[in-house]
PDB file of N, CA and C in Angstrom:
ATOM      1  N   UNK A   1      37.850  94.047  86.163  1.00  0.00           N
ATOM      2  CA  UNK A   1      38.001  92.611  86.133  1.00  0.00           C
ATOM      3  C   UNK A   1      39.408  92.304  85.593  1.00  0.00           C
ATOM      4  N   UNK A   2      40.320  92.175  86.499  1.00  0.00           N
ATOM      5  CA  UNK A   2      41.721  91.946  86.156  1.00  0.00           C
ATOM      6  C   UNK A   2      42.088  90.489  86.434  1.00  0.00           C
ATOM      7  N   UNK A   3      42.869  89.920  85.511  1.00  0.00           N
ATOM      8  CA  UNK A   3      43.319  88.540  85.697  1.00  0.00           C
ATOM      9  C   UNK A   3      44.615  88.534  86.492  1.00  0.00           C
ATOM     10  N   UNK A   4      44.828  87.478  87.282  1.00  0.00           N
ATOM     11  CA  UNK A   4      46.089  87.370  88.013  1.00  0.00           C
ATOM     12  C   UNK A   4      47.262  87.266  87.023  1.00  0.00           C
ATOM     13  N   UNK A   5      48.418  87.735  87.452  1.00  0.00           N
ATOM     14  CA  UNK A   5      49.596  87.751  86.587  1.00  0.00           C
ATOM     15  C   UNK A   5      50.010  86.350  86.154  1.00  0.00           C
ATOM     16  N   UNK A   6      49.777  85.349  86.995  1.00  0.00           N
ATOM     17  CA  UNK A   6      50.210  83.997  86.635  1.00  0.00           C
ATOM     18  C   UNK A   6      49.456  83.464  85.420  1.00  0.00           C
ATOM     19  N   UNK A   7      48.251  83.948  85.182  1.00  0.00           N
ATOM     20  CA  UNK A   7      47.477  83.542  84.006  1.00  0.00           C
ATOM     21  C   UNK A   7      48.221  83.969  82.734  1.00  0.00           C
ATOM     22  N   UNK A   8      48.788  85.177  82.738  1.00  0.00           N
ATOM     23  CA  UNK A   8      49.547  85.661  81.573  1.00  0.00           C
ATOM     24  C   UNK A   8      50.784  84.800  81.343  1.00  0.00           C
ATOM     25  N   UNK A   9      51.429  84.382  82.418  1.00  0.00           N
ATOM     26  CA  UNK A   9      52.595  83.506  82.288  1.00  0.00           C
ATOM     27  C   UNK A   9      52.203  82.140  81.710  1.00  0.00           C
ATOM     28  N   UNK A  10      51.074  81.632  82.133  1.00  0.00           N
ATOM     29  CA  UNK A  10      50.601  80.346  81.612  1.00  0.00           C
ATOM     30  C   UNK A  10      50.304  80.463  80.114  1.00  0.00           C
ATOM     31  N   UNK A  11      49.638  81.521  79.720  1.00  0.00           N
ATOM     32  CA  UNK A  11      49.325  81.734  78.301  1.00  0.00           C
ATOM     33  C   UNK A  11      50.614  81.887  77.484  1.00  0.00           C
ATOM     34  N   UNK A  12      51.571  82.642  78.006  1.00  0.00           N
ATOM     35  CA  UNK A  12      52.854  82.810  77.321  1.00  0.00           C
ATOM     36  C   UNK A  12      53.579  81.467  77.215  1.00  0.00           C
ATOM     37  N   UNK A  13      53.537  80.667  78.255  1.00  0.00           N
ATOM     38  CA  UNK A  13      54.166  79.348  78.232  1.00  0.00           C
ATOM     39  C   UNK A  13      53.538  78.436  77.192  1.00  0.00           C
ATOM     40  N   UNK A  14      52.233  78.481  77.071  1.00  0.00           N
ATOM     41  CA  UNK A  14      51.540  77.680  76.062  1.00  0.00           C
ATOM     42  C   UNK A  14      51.957  78.124  74.666  1.00  0.00           C
ATOM     43  N   UNK A  15      52.037  79.437  74.455  1.00  0.00           N
ATOM     44  CA  UNK A  15      52.431  79.956  73.143  1.00  0.00           C
ATOM     45  C   UNK A  15      53.861  79.543  72.789  1.00  0.00           C
ATOM     46  N   UNK A  16      54.781  79.665  73.745  1.00  0.00           N
ATOM     47  CA  UNK A  16      56.175  79.276  73.503  1.00  0.00           C
ATOM     48  C   UNK A  16      56.256  77.778  73.241  1.00  0.00           C
ATOM     49  N   UNK A  17      55.526  76.997  73.985  1.00  0.00           N
ATOM     50  CA  UNK A  17      55.525  75.549  73.808  1.00  0.00           C
ATOM     51  C   UNK A  17      55.009  75.165  72.419  1.00  0.00           C
ATOM     52  N   UNK A  18      53.956  75.805  71.980  1.00  0.00           N
ATOM     53  CA  UNK A  18      53.404  75.529  70.647  1.00  0.00           C
ATOM     54  C   UNK A  18      54.410  75.904  69.566  1.00  0.00           C
ATOM     55  N   UNK A  19      55.061  77.040  69.709  1.00  0.00           N
ATOM     56  CA  UNK A  19      56.069  77.468  68.743  1.00  0.00           C
ATOM     57  C   UNK A  19      57.209  76.461  68.660  1.00  0.00           C
ATOM     58  N   UNK A  20      57.707  76.018  69.800  1.00  0.00           N
ATOM     59  CA  UNK A  20      58.813  75.062  69.827  1.00  0.00           C
ATOM     60  C   UNK A  20      58.386  73.712  69.228  1.00  0.00           C
ATOM     61  N   UNK A  21      57.145  73.294  69.465  1.00  0.00           N
ATOM     62  CA  UNK A  21      56.662  72.032  68.900  1.00  0.00           C
ATOM     63  C   UNK A  21      56.628  72.105  67.374  1.00  0.00           C
ATOM     64  N   UNK A  22      56.153  73.218  66.843  1.00  0.00           N
ATOM     65  CA  UNK A  22      56.098  73.388  65.388  1.00  0.00           C
ATOM     66  C   UNK A  22      57.504  73.441  64.811  1.00  0.00           C
ATOM     67  N   UNK A  23      58.394  74.163  65.465  1.00  0.00           N
ATOM     68  CA  UNK A  23      59.780  74.290  64.998  1.00  0.00           C
ATOM     69  C   UNK A  23      60.474  72.932  64.981  1.00  0.00           C
ATOM     70  N   UNK A  24      60.315  72.168  66.034  1.00  0.00           N
ATOM     71  CA  UNK A  24      60.938  70.850  66.129  1.00  0.00           C
ATOM     72  C   UNK A  24      60.370  69.899  65.081  1.00  0.00           C
ATOM     73  N   UNK A  25      59.067  69.932  64.867  1.00  0.00           N
ATOM     74  CA  UNK A  25      58.444  69.066  63.862  1.00  0.00           C
ATOM     75  C   UNK A  25      58.976  69.405  62.470  1.00  0.00           C
ATOM     76  N   UNK A  26      59.143  70.671  62.177  1.00  0.00           N
ATOM     77  CA  UNK A  26      59.659  71.096  60.877  1.00  0.00           C
ATOM     78  C   UNK A  26      61.099  70.611  60.686  1.00  0.00           C
ATOM     79  N   UNK A  27      61.926  70.727  61.718  1.00  0.00           N
ATOM     80  CA  UNK A  27      63.317  70.263  61.640  1.00  0.00           C
ATOM     81  C   UNK A  27      63.378  68.749  61.453  1.00  0.00           C
ATOM     82  N   UNK A  28      62.540  68.021  62.181  1.00  0.00           N
ATOM     83  CA  UNK A  28      62.502  66.566  62.054  1.00  0.00           C
ATOM     84  C   UNK A  28      62.091  66.156  60.647  1.00  0.00           C
ATOM     85  N   UNK A  29      61.098  66.840  60.091  1.00  0.00           N
ATOM     86  CA  UNK A  29      60.638  66.535  58.743  1.00  0.00           C
ATOM     87  C   UNK A  29      61.754  66.774  57.724  1.00  0.00           C
ATOM     88  N   UNK A  30      62.511  67.843  57.917  1.00  0.00           N
ATOM     89  CA  UNK A  30      63.620  68.161  57.008  1.00  0.00           C
ATOM     90  C   UNK A  30      64.702  67.076  57.092  1.00  0.00           C
ATOM     91  N   UNK A  31      65.075  66.678  58.302  1.00  0.00           N
ATOM     92  CA  UNK A  31      66.079  65.630  58.472  1.00  0.00           C
ATOM     93  C   UNK A  31      65.618  64.306  57.869  1.00  0.00           C
ATOM     94  N   UNK A  32      64.359  63.980  58.066  1.00  0.00           N
ATOM     95  CA  UNK A  32      63.824  62.737  57.525  1.00  0.00           C
ATOM     96  C   UNK A  32      63.835  62.761  55.993  1.00  0.00           C
ATOM     97  N   UNK A  33      63.494  63.909  55.405  1.00  0.00           N
ATOM     98  CA  UNK A  33      63.503  64.029  53.954  1.00  0.00           C
ATOM     99  C   UNK A  33      64.919  63.863  53.403  1.00  0.00           C
ATOM    100  N   UNK A  34      65.906  64.455  54.082  1.00  0.00           N
ATOM    101  CA  UNK A  34      67.297  64.313  53.655  1.00  0.00           C
ATOM    102  C   UNK A  34      67.732  62.849  53.725  1.00  0.00           C
ATOM    103  N   UNK A  35      67.333  62.146  54.776  1.00  0.00           N
ATOM    104  CA  UNK A  35      67.692  60.735  54.928  1.00  0.00           C
ATOM    105  C   UNK A  35      67.054  59.905  53.813  1.00  0.00           C
ATOM    106  N   UNK A  36      65.793  60.186  53.506  1.00  0.00           N
ATOM    107  CA  UNK A  36      65.092  59.454  52.452  1.00  0.00           C
ATOM    108  C   UNK A  36      65.782  59.673  51.110  1.00  0.00           C
ATOM    109  N   UNK A  37      66.163  60.912  50.821  1.00  0.00           N
ATOM    110  CA  UNK A  37      66.843  61.206  49.566  1.00  0.00           C
ATOM    111  C   UNK A  37      68.190  60.473  49.483  1.00  0.00           C
ATOM    112  N   UNK A  38      68.928  60.460  50.581  1.00  0.00           N
ATOM    113  CA  UNK A  38      70.225  59.773  50.613  1.00  0.00           C
ATOM    114  C   UNK A  38      70.051  58.283  50.361  1.00  0.00           C
ATOM    115  N   UNK A  39      69.090  57.668  51.034  1.00  0.00           N
ATOM    116  CA  UNK A  39      68.837  56.243  50.856  1.00  0.00           C
ATOM    117  C   UNK A  39      68.386  55.947  49.430  1.00  0.00           C
ATOM    118  N   UNK A  40      67.585  56.816  48.854  1.00  0.00           N
ATOM    119  CA  UNK A  40      67.130  56.636  47.481  1.00  0.00           C
ATOM    120  C   UNK A  40      68.290  56.688  46.498  1.00  0.00           C
ATOM    121  N   UNK A  41      69.201  57.628  46.711  1.00  0.00           N
ATOM    122  CA  UNK A  41      70.380  57.726  45.839  1.00  0.00           C
ATOM    123  C   UNK A  41      71.241  56.468  45.937  1.00  0.00           C
ATOM    124  N   UNK A  42      71.432  55.952  47.143  1.00  0.00           N
ATOM    125  CA  UNK A  42      72.214  54.732  47.331  1.00  0.00           C
ATOM    126  C   UNK A  42      71.537  53.547  46.634  1.00  0.00           C
ATOM    127  N   UNK A  43      70.224  53.474  46.712  1.00  0.00           N
ATOM    128  CA  UNK A  43      69.480  52.388  46.087  1.00  0.00           C
ATOM    129  C   UNK A  43      69.639  52.448  44.566  1.00  0.00           C
ATOM    130  N   UNK A  44      69.495  53.643  44.013  1.00  0.00           N
ATOM    131  CA  UNK A  44      69.650  53.810  42.564  1.00  0.00           C
ATOM    132  C   UNK A  44      71.064  53.448  42.130  1.00  0.00           C
ATOM    133  N   UNK A  45      72.054  53.841  42.914  1.00  0.00           N
ATOM    134  CA  UNK A  45      73.442  53.507  42.597  1.00  0.00           C
ATOM    135  C   UNK A  45      73.640  51.986  42.587  1.00  0.00           C
ATOM    136  N   UNK A  46      73.081  51.294  43.580  1.00  0.00           N
ATOM    137  CA  UNK A  46      73.195  49.827  43.617  1.00  0.00           C
ATOM    138  C   UNK A  46      72.497  49.191  42.420  1.00  0.00           C
ATOM    139  N   UNK A  47      71.357  49.754  42.016  1.00  0.00           N
ATOM    140  CA  UNK A  47      70.650  49.228  40.845  1.00  0.00           C
ATOM    141  C   UNK A  47      71.489  49.399  39.581  1.00  0.00           C
ATOM    142  N   UNK A  48      72.141  50.538  39.441  1.00  0.00           N
ATOM    143  CA  UNK A  48      72.970  50.782  38.266  1.00  0.00           C
ATOM    144  C   UNK A  48      74.174  49.842  38.237  1.00  0.00           C
ATOM    145  N   UNK A  49      74.778  49.590  39.390  1.00  0.00           N
ATOM    146  CA  UNK A  49      75.903  48.651  39.461  1.00  0.00           C
ATOM    147  C   UNK A  49      75.438  47.250  39.067  1.00  0.00           C
ATOM    148  N   UNK A  50      74.286  46.837  39.583  1.00  0.00           N
ATOM    149  CA  UNK A  50      73.738  45.519  39.246  1.00  0.00           C
ATOM    150  C   UNK A  50      73.421  45.438  37.753  1.00  0.00           C
ATOM    151  N   UNK A  51      72.911  46.504  37.190  1.00  0.00           N
ATOM    152  CA  UNK A  51      72.598  46.556  35.768  1.00  0.00           C
ATOM    153  C   UNK A  51      73.877  46.373  34.937  1.00  0.00           C
ATOM    154  N   UNK A  52      74.959  47.028  35.345  1.00  0.00           N
ATOM    155  CA  UNK A  52      76.242  46.895  34.650  1.00  0.00           C
ATOM    156  C   UNK A  52      76.774  45.460  34.756  1.00  0.00           C
ATOM    157  N   UNK A  53      76.653  44.863  35.935  1.00  0.00           N
ATOM    158  CA  UNK A  53      77.098  43.476  36.117  1.00  0.00           C
ATOM    159  C   UNK A  53      76.353  42.546  35.174  1.00  0.00           C
ATOM    160  N   UNK A  54      75.029  42.709  35.097  1.00  0.00           N
ATOM    161  CA  UNK A  54      74.222  41.854  34.228  1.00  0.00           C
ATOM    162  C   UNK A  54      74.585  42.077  32.762  1.00  0.00           C
ATOM    163  N   UNK A  55      74.839  43.309  32.400  1.00  0.00           N
ATOM    164  CA  UNK A  55      75.225  43.629  31.033  1.00  0.00           C
ATOM    165  C   UNK A  55      76.554  42.954  30.688  1.00  0.00           C
ATOM    166  N   UNK A  56      77.510  43.011  31.614  1.00  0.00           N
ATOM    167  CA  UNK A  56      78.820  42.381  31.402  1.00  0.00           C
ATOM    168  C   UNK A  56      78.699  40.873  31.306  1.00  0.00           C
ATOM    169  N   UNK A  57      77.837  40.273  32.111  1.00  0.00           N
ATOM    170  CA  UNK A  57      77.643  38.820  32.084  1.00  0.00           C
ATOM    171  C   UNK A  57      77.001  38.425  30.760  1.00  0.00           C
ATOM    172  N   UNK A  58      76.044  39.206  30.285  1.00  0.00           N
ATOM    173  CA  UNK A  58      75.372  38.925  29.029  1.00  0.00           C
ATOM    174  C   UNK A  58      76.351  38.996  27.854  1.00  0.00           C
ATOM    175  N   UNK A  59      77.217  40.004  27.870  1.00  0.00           N
ATOM    176  CA  UNK A  59      78.201  40.170  26.792  1.00  0.00           C
ATOM    177  C   UNK A  59      79.238  39.050  26.813  1.00  0.00           C
ATOM    178  N   UNK A  60      79.614  38.600  27.984  1.00  0.00           N
ATOM    179  CA  UNK A  60      80.629  37.541  28.112  1.00  0.00           C
ATOM    180  C   UNK A  60      80.037  36.176  27.733  1.00  0.00           C
ATOM    181  N   UNK A  61      78.760  36.014  27.960  1.00  0.00           N
ATOM    182  CA  UNK A  61      78.143  34.699  27.784  1.00  0.00           C
ATOM    183  C   UNK A  61      77.530  34.535  26.484  1.00  0.00           C
TER     184      UNK A  61
END
């Protein structure tokens, strides 16, 4: 009971496709995490600048 050769190609194609899907999802997750960290740092920096402005206004007033 032998399977046709094209069945093996289909199975190999499914395996390669699954591998590439996992690899791409992992890369996307990494890029998204880097973007989130960058945006968070910018937000914190803006908060610190605003805090300094308020401190300066309080001292002047």
